Protein backbone atom coordinates (compact mmCIF):
# COMPACT_ATOMS: atom_id res chain seq x y z
CA MET A 1 66.40 88.44 143.34
CA SER A 2 68.90 87.75 146.13
CA ARG A 3 72.61 88.25 145.52
CA SER A 4 73.25 84.55 146.15
CA LEU A 5 70.73 83.60 143.48
CA ILE A 6 72.26 86.12 141.07
CA LEU A 7 75.74 84.69 141.71
CA LEU A 8 74.54 81.11 141.27
CA THR A 9 72.75 82.05 138.06
CA ALA A 10 75.90 83.75 136.80
CA LEU A 11 78.04 80.74 137.60
CA SER A 12 75.53 78.49 135.89
CA ALA A 13 75.67 80.60 132.76
CA ALA A 14 79.47 80.52 132.95
CA ALA A 15 79.39 76.74 133.05
CA LEU A 16 77.12 76.75 130.01
CA LEU A 17 79.40 79.18 128.17
CA THR A 18 82.42 77.07 129.11
CA SER A 19 80.79 73.93 127.79
CA CYS A 20 79.91 75.65 124.53
CA GLY A 21 83.40 77.16 124.20
CA THR A 22 85.06 73.81 124.77
CA ASN A 23 83.54 72.50 121.54
CA ARG A 24 84.97 75.27 119.38
CA SER A 25 88.41 75.28 121.00
CA ALA A 26 89.74 72.51 118.78
CA ALA A 27 89.16 74.68 115.71
CA THR A 28 90.98 77.74 117.07
CA HIS A 29 93.57 76.40 119.54
CA PRO A 30 95.82 73.40 119.87
CA PRO A 31 94.76 71.00 122.63
CA LEU A 32 95.22 72.45 126.10
CA LYS A 33 97.94 70.64 128.03
CA THR A 34 97.23 69.80 131.65
CA ALA A 35 99.36 68.80 134.62
CA PRO A 36 100.26 65.11 134.10
CA LYS A 37 98.72 63.83 137.35
CA VAL A 38 97.17 65.69 140.26
CA SER A 39 96.99 64.31 143.80
CA THR A 40 93.47 65.11 144.94
CA ASP A 41 94.51 64.84 148.59
CA ARG A 42 97.26 67.42 148.10
CA TYR A 43 95.05 69.71 146.01
CA LEU A 44 92.34 69.91 148.69
CA GLY A 45 92.27 72.92 150.98
CA LYS A 46 92.17 76.67 150.50
CA TRP A 47 93.48 78.43 147.39
CA HIS A 48 93.71 82.20 146.95
CA GLU A 49 93.03 83.63 143.54
CA VAL A 50 96.01 85.85 142.70
CA ALA A 51 95.03 86.70 139.10
CA HIS A 52 92.23 85.87 136.68
CA PHE A 53 90.50 86.69 133.44
CA PRO A 54 87.55 88.97 134.23
CA GLN A 55 84.19 87.20 134.16
CA TRP A 56 80.84 88.87 134.59
CA PHE A 57 79.92 86.47 137.40
CA GLN A 58 82.90 87.80 139.38
CA LYS A 59 81.90 91.44 138.92
CA GLY A 60 82.46 93.36 142.13
CA CYS A 61 84.98 90.85 143.48
CA VAL A 62 88.35 92.34 144.38
CA SER A 63 89.65 88.98 145.56
CA ALA A 64 88.47 85.39 145.82
CA THR A 65 89.24 82.06 147.44
CA ALA A 66 88.30 78.49 146.64
CA ASP A 67 88.10 75.80 149.31
CA TYR A 68 88.12 72.16 148.21
CA SER A 69 87.18 69.31 150.54
CA GLN A 70 86.60 65.58 150.21
CA ASN A 71 82.95 64.52 150.30
CA LYS A 72 81.89 61.15 151.72
CA ASP A 73 80.69 60.00 148.29
CA GLY A 74 84.15 60.58 146.77
CA THR A 75 83.33 63.85 145.05
CA ILE A 76 85.05 67.11 145.91
CA GLY A 77 83.21 69.87 147.73
CA VAL A 78 83.75 73.36 146.29
CA LEU A 79 83.22 76.58 148.22
CA ASN A 80 84.03 79.74 146.28
CA THR A 81 84.14 83.04 148.15
CA CYS A 82 84.12 86.47 146.54
CA PHE A 83 85.43 89.39 148.59
CA ARG A 84 84.14 92.87 147.72
CA ALA A 85 85.85 96.23 148.21
CA ASP A 86 83.35 97.18 150.97
CA GLY A 87 84.43 94.14 153.03
CA SER A 88 81.34 92.07 152.32
CA GLN A 89 81.51 88.66 150.74
CA ARG A 90 79.39 86.12 148.93
CA THR A 91 79.83 82.37 148.54
CA VAL A 92 78.66 79.62 146.24
CA SER A 93 78.91 75.86 146.87
CA GLY A 94 79.44 73.20 144.28
CA VAL A 95 80.62 69.67 143.61
CA ALA A 96 83.54 68.56 141.46
CA GLU A 97 84.42 65.13 140.14
CA PRO A 98 87.51 64.10 138.21
CA VAL A 99 87.04 63.15 134.56
CA ASP A 100 89.57 60.31 134.96
CA ALA A 101 92.29 58.97 137.28
CA SER A 102 94.75 61.72 136.34
CA ASN A 103 92.57 64.17 138.34
CA ASN A 104 93.74 67.04 136.13
CA ARG A 105 90.34 67.75 134.56
CA LEU A 106 87.25 68.17 136.70
CA ARG A 107 83.54 68.51 136.05
CA VAL A 108 82.34 71.24 138.41
CA ARG A 109 78.63 71.75 139.07
CA PHE A 110 76.69 74.05 141.34
CA PRO A 111 73.65 71.83 142.07
CA GLY A 112 71.94 74.21 144.50
CA ASN A 113 70.81 76.37 141.62
CA PHE A 114 68.00 75.41 139.24
CA PHE A 115 69.74 77.03 136.24
CA ALA A 116 73.03 75.26 137.01
CA ARG A 117 71.27 71.90 136.82
CA LEU A 118 70.12 72.78 133.31
CA ALA A 119 73.58 73.84 132.08
CA PRO A 120 75.49 70.92 130.58
CA VAL A 121 79.02 70.29 131.80
CA PRO A 122 81.35 68.96 129.09
CA GLU A 123 82.34 65.32 129.38
CA ASP A 124 85.98 66.38 129.30
CA GLY A 125 85.42 68.80 132.20
CA ASN A 126 85.12 72.55 132.73
CA TYR A 127 88.01 72.97 135.23
CA TRP A 128 91.38 72.00 133.79
CA ILE A 129 94.44 72.08 136.04
CA ILE A 130 97.08 73.29 133.60
CA ASP A 131 99.95 73.36 136.07
CA VAL A 132 100.55 72.70 139.74
CA THR A 133 103.91 73.09 141.46
CA PRO A 134 105.46 69.99 143.08
CA ASP A 135 104.78 71.45 146.55
CA TYR A 136 101.12 72.20 145.65
CA ARG A 137 101.58 75.87 146.56
CA HIS A 138 100.66 77.33 143.15
CA ALA A 139 98.35 76.22 140.35
CA ILE A 140 97.00 77.43 137.02
CA VAL A 141 93.43 76.54 136.04
CA GLY A 142 91.71 77.26 132.75
CA THR A 143 89.43 76.02 130.00
CA PRO A 144 90.28 74.68 126.53
CA ASP A 145 88.62 77.66 124.81
CA ARG A 146 91.08 79.96 126.67
CA GLN A 147 88.20 82.13 127.95
CA PHE A 148 88.67 81.26 131.64
CA LEU A 149 91.98 81.47 133.51
CA TRP A 150 92.87 81.59 137.19
CA PHE A 151 96.27 81.74 138.91
CA LEU A 152 95.94 80.20 142.37
CA SER A 153 98.22 80.22 145.40
CA ARG A 154 97.98 78.85 148.92
CA SER A 155 98.70 82.40 150.09
CA PRO A 156 97.76 85.83 148.71
CA THR A 157 101.52 86.48 148.57
CA ILE A 158 103.39 85.08 145.57
CA PRO A 159 107.05 85.44 144.56
CA GLN A 160 107.63 87.49 141.39
CA ALA A 161 109.59 84.61 139.80
CA ARG A 162 106.68 82.18 140.33
CA PHE A 163 104.15 84.72 139.01
CA ASP A 164 106.32 85.31 135.93
CA ARG A 165 106.57 81.54 135.39
CA MET A 166 102.77 81.19 135.61
CA LYS A 167 102.37 83.91 132.99
CA ALA A 168 104.91 82.17 130.74
CA ILE A 169 103.08 78.83 131.03
CA ALA A 170 99.72 80.44 130.24
CA THR A 171 101.17 82.30 127.27
CA GLU A 172 102.75 79.08 125.93
CA GLN A 173 99.29 77.49 126.19
CA GLY A 174 97.70 80.20 124.03
CA PHE A 175 96.05 82.41 126.66
CA ASP A 176 95.91 86.15 125.87
CA LEU A 177 97.37 87.68 129.02
CA GLY A 178 96.29 91.16 127.96
CA LYS A 179 93.06 90.30 129.82
CA LEU A 180 94.79 89.13 133.03
CA VAL A 181 93.78 91.04 136.18
CA VAL A 182 95.75 90.76 139.42
CA ASP A 183 93.49 90.53 142.48
CA GLN A 184 93.64 93.53 144.82
CA HIS A 185 94.73 91.43 147.80
CA THR A 186 97.63 89.81 145.92
CA ARG A 187 101.14 90.71 147.07
CA ILE A 188 103.91 89.94 144.58
CA THR A 189 107.30 89.80 146.30
CA ARG A 190 110.85 89.88 144.97
């Protein structure tokens, strides 16, 4: 099985797990708060993952980026890139669509993979933008079951004060930061 197929299968399973976890989140967590309104145009572009909760589909990644672009049909193109310690990389392409006009919850699918087409995506989305700074330089993304969390930045360098604020927001939202891993390419500055 090719590495691309393995990655796509893993992401498909993650989407399935996310959709299942979303249903039980109401019983164990208060509702996840999201950014009030997200400008899709300002959110587009490249984001560097600076920290994340480990996921088996990211195994072997020491760093990652996500590139978002506007598709002609109004959906958002997603290109995730995993960087490995040996310098190699792998990518997976997907499509995202906002759940509603607030653009703070997205349904993300990876249609190029057979298994991904079988995995249901929750109606309320599987990519929740919890926080985005007014300048769209930093964002926090997670899921209502608190099993998935990513800290994103437009650069792999992030000020310590901003990183601390992201951790505080995630903690306030009920995420267990004992699982948080800082990407190897992240530089936290004073």
